[in-house]
N, C-alpha and C. Protein backbone atom coordinates (compact mmCIF):
# COMPACT_ATOMS: atom_id res chain seq x y z
N UNK A 1 -34.22 8.55 8.75
CA UNK A 1 -33.10 8.14 7.92
C UNK A 1 -33.52 6.90 7.13
N UNK A 2 -33.20 6.89 5.89
CA UNK A 2 -33.55 5.75 5.06
C UNK A 2 -32.49 4.65 5.17
N UNK A 3 -32.72 3.54 4.50
CA UNK A 3 -31.80 2.40 4.60
C UNK A 3 -30.42 2.70 4.05
N UNK A 4 -30.34 3.39 2.94
CA UNK A 4 -29.02 3.65 2.35
C UNK A 4 -28.20 4.57 3.23
N UNK A 5 -28.84 5.52 3.88
CA UNK A 5 -28.11 6.41 4.78
C UNK A 5 -27.56 5.65 5.98
N UNK A 6 -28.38 4.79 6.55
CA UNK A 6 -27.94 3.98 7.68
C UNK A 6 -26.84 3.02 7.25
N UNK A 7 -26.97 2.47 6.08
CA UNK A 7 -25.95 1.55 5.57
C UNK A 7 -24.63 2.27 5.35
N UNK A 8 -24.69 3.47 4.83
CA UNK A 8 -23.47 4.25 4.60
C UNK A 8 -22.78 4.57 5.92
N UNK A 9 -23.55 4.93 6.93
CA UNK A 9 -22.97 5.24 8.24
C UNK A 9 -22.34 4.00 8.84
N UNK A 10 -22.97 2.86 8.71
CA UNK A 10 -22.46 1.63 9.29
C UNK A 10 -21.19 1.16 8.59
N UNK A 11 -21.03 1.46 7.31
CA UNK A 11 -19.89 0.95 6.55
C UNK A 11 -18.76 1.96 6.37
N UNK A 12 -18.80 3.10 7.03
CA UNK A 12 -17.77 4.12 6.80
C UNK A 12 -16.40 3.66 7.26
N UNK A 13 -16.30 2.79 8.22
CA UNK A 13 -15.00 2.33 8.71
C UNK A 13 -14.26 1.50 7.69
N UNK A 14 -14.94 0.78 6.84
CA UNK A 14 -14.27 -0.10 5.87
C UNK A 14 -14.03 0.59 4.54
N UNK A 15 -14.65 1.70 4.28
CA UNK A 15 -14.53 2.32 2.96
C UNK A 15 -13.11 2.77 2.64
N UNK A 16 -12.40 3.26 3.63
CA UNK A 16 -11.04 3.72 3.38
C UNK A 16 -10.13 2.61 2.91
N UNK A 17 -10.30 1.43 3.46
CA UNK A 17 -9.45 0.31 3.09
C UNK A 17 -9.85 -0.24 1.73
N UNK A 18 -11.15 -0.36 1.49
CA UNK A 18 -11.58 -0.94 0.22
C UNK A 18 -11.37 0.01 -0.94
N UNK A 19 -11.42 1.29 -0.69
CA UNK A 19 -11.19 2.24 -1.78
C UNK A 19 -9.71 2.44 -2.08
N UNK A 20 -8.86 2.23 -1.09
CA UNK A 20 -7.42 2.45 -1.28
C UNK A 20 -6.62 1.25 -0.77
N UNK A 21 -6.72 0.13 -1.46
CA UNK A 21 -5.99 -1.06 -0.96
C UNK A 21 -4.48 -0.90 -1.04
N UNK A 22 -4.01 -0.15 -2.01
CA UNK A 22 -2.57 0.07 -2.11
C UNK A 22 -2.03 0.87 -0.93
N UNK A 23 -2.81 1.86 -0.52
CA UNK A 23 -2.42 2.66 0.63
C UNK A 23 -2.43 1.82 1.91
N UNK A 24 -3.43 0.97 2.03
CA UNK A 24 -3.50 0.09 3.20
C UNK A 24 -2.31 -0.87 3.21
N UNK A 25 -1.98 -1.41 2.06
CA UNK A 25 -0.84 -2.32 1.96
C UNK A 25 0.47 -1.60 2.30
N UNK A 26 0.62 -0.38 1.81
CA UNK A 26 1.82 0.39 2.11
C UNK A 26 1.92 0.70 3.60
N UNK A 27 0.79 1.00 4.22
CA UNK A 27 0.80 1.29 5.65
C UNK A 27 1.18 0.05 6.46
N UNK A 28 0.67 -1.10 6.07
CA UNK A 28 1.01 -2.35 6.77
C UNK A 28 2.48 -2.68 6.56
N UNK A 29 2.98 -2.49 5.35
CA UNK A 29 4.39 -2.76 5.07
C UNK A 29 5.30 -1.82 5.86
N UNK A 30 4.95 -0.54 5.89
CA UNK A 30 5.76 0.43 6.64
C UNK A 30 5.76 0.10 8.12
N UNK A 31 4.62 -0.28 8.65
CA UNK A 31 4.54 -0.66 10.06
C UNK A 31 5.41 -1.88 10.34
N UNK A 32 5.40 -2.85 9.45
CA UNK A 32 6.23 -4.03 9.62
C UNK A 32 7.72 -3.71 9.57
N UNK A 33 8.09 -2.84 8.67
CA UNK A 33 9.50 -2.46 8.55
C UNK A 33 9.96 -1.71 9.79
N UNK A 34 9.13 -0.80 10.27
CA UNK A 34 9.48 -0.04 11.48
C UNK A 34 9.60 -0.98 12.67
N UNK A 35 8.68 -1.93 12.79
CA UNK A 35 8.74 -2.88 13.90
C UNK A 35 10.00 -3.74 13.80
N UNK A 36 10.38 -4.15 12.61
CA UNK A 36 11.58 -4.97 12.44
C UNK A 36 12.85 -4.19 12.80
N UNK A 37 12.90 -2.94 12.40
CA UNK A 37 14.08 -2.11 12.71
C UNK A 37 14.18 -1.89 14.22
N UNK A 38 13.06 -1.60 14.86
CA UNK A 38 13.09 -1.39 16.31
C UNK A 38 13.47 -2.67 17.05
N UNK A 39 12.97 -3.81 16.57
CA UNK A 39 13.34 -5.07 17.19
C UNK A 39 14.84 -5.32 17.05
N UNK A 40 15.38 -5.05 15.89
CA UNK A 40 16.82 -5.24 15.66
C UNK A 40 17.63 -4.31 16.55
N UNK A 41 17.19 -3.06 16.68
CA UNK A 41 17.88 -2.12 17.56
C UNK A 41 17.91 -2.61 18.99
N UNK A 42 16.77 -3.09 19.48
CA UNK A 42 16.72 -3.56 20.86
C UNK A 42 17.54 -4.83 21.03
N UNK A 43 17.58 -5.69 20.03
CA UNK A 43 18.39 -6.90 20.12
C UNK A 43 19.87 -6.56 20.18
N UNK A 44 20.30 -5.62 19.39
CA UNK A 44 21.71 -5.20 19.41
C UNK A 44 22.06 -4.59 20.76
N UNK A 45 21.15 -3.75 21.28
CA UNK A 45 21.39 -3.12 22.58
C UNK A 45 21.46 -4.16 23.69
N UNK A 46 20.53 -5.13 23.68
CA UNK A 46 20.55 -6.19 24.70
C UNK A 46 21.84 -7.01 24.61
N UNK A 47 22.25 -7.33 23.40
CA UNK A 47 23.47 -8.12 23.20
C UNK A 47 24.70 -7.35 23.69
N UNK A 48 24.75 -6.07 23.38
CA UNK A 48 25.90 -5.27 23.79
C UNK A 48 25.96 -5.16 25.31
N UNK A 49 24.81 -4.97 25.96
CA UNK A 49 24.79 -4.89 27.42
C UNK A 49 25.20 -6.22 28.04
N UNK A 50 24.76 -7.32 27.45
CA UNK A 50 25.13 -8.64 27.97
C UNK A 50 26.62 -8.88 27.82
N UNK A 51 27.19 -8.46 26.71
CA UNK A 51 28.63 -8.65 26.51
C UNK A 51 29.43 -7.78 27.47
N UNK A 52 28.96 -6.57 27.71
CA UNK A 52 29.68 -5.68 28.64
C UNK A 52 29.69 -6.23 30.06
N UNK A 53 28.59 -6.88 30.44
CA UNK A 53 28.47 -7.34 31.82
C UNK A 53 28.88 -8.81 31.99
N UNK A 54 29.47 -9.42 30.97
CA UNK A 54 29.86 -10.83 31.09
C UNK A 54 31.05 -10.96 32.03
N UNK A 55 31.21 -12.15 32.60
CA UNK A 55 32.27 -12.39 33.58
C UNK A 55 33.65 -12.34 32.94
N UNK A 56 33.77 -12.80 31.69
CA UNK A 56 35.07 -12.84 31.03
C UNK A 56 35.52 -11.45 30.59
N UNK A 57 34.59 -10.60 30.28
CA UNK A 57 34.82 -9.20 29.94
C UNK A 57 35.80 -9.04 28.77
N UNK A 58 35.56 -9.77 27.69
CA UNK A 58 36.33 -9.59 26.47
C UNK A 58 35.66 -8.62 25.51
N UNK A 59 34.82 -7.80 26.04
CA UNK A 59 34.02 -6.89 25.21
C UNK A 59 34.92 -5.84 24.57
N UNK A 60 34.76 -5.66 23.26
CA UNK A 60 35.41 -4.58 22.53
C UNK A 60 34.34 -3.92 21.69
N UNK A 61 34.20 -2.64 21.84
CA UNK A 61 33.17 -1.93 21.09
C UNK A 61 33.51 -1.99 19.60
N UNK A 62 32.48 -1.96 18.76
CA UNK A 62 32.68 -2.03 17.32
C UNK A 62 33.48 -0.83 16.83
N UNK A 63 33.31 0.31 17.44
CA UNK A 63 34.02 1.51 17.01
C UNK A 63 35.53 1.40 17.23
N UNK A 64 35.94 0.63 18.23
CA UNK A 64 37.37 0.53 18.53
C UNK A 64 37.98 -0.79 18.09
N UNK A 65 37.25 -1.61 17.40
CA UNK A 65 37.75 -2.95 17.11
C UNK A 65 38.77 -2.96 15.96
N UNK A 66 38.78 -1.95 15.13
CA UNK A 66 39.72 -1.94 14.02
C UNK A 66 39.16 -2.54 12.76
N UNK A 67 37.98 -3.07 12.81
CA UNK A 67 37.29 -3.54 11.61
C UNK A 67 37.63 -4.94 11.18
N UNK A 68 38.37 -5.68 11.93
CA UNK A 68 38.65 -7.05 11.52
C UNK A 68 39.84 -7.64 12.22
N UNK A 69 40.23 -8.80 11.73
CA UNK A 69 41.36 -9.51 12.37
C UNK A 69 42.65 -8.99 11.81
């Protein structure tokens, strides 16, 4: 194998990113958005469970709250 062949094999992992930086940026952005949505979902679930199990028990589900004061 000559030098260029060995060099090509060694650099194949980076070629996808350098040839398609927009795609790489979109993938990173999509991953960040998905992570943010999942974090928000888990935070809402944790908060709701904490409110349900509180000692004062003034918990009212959002579906039955009537939408305001």
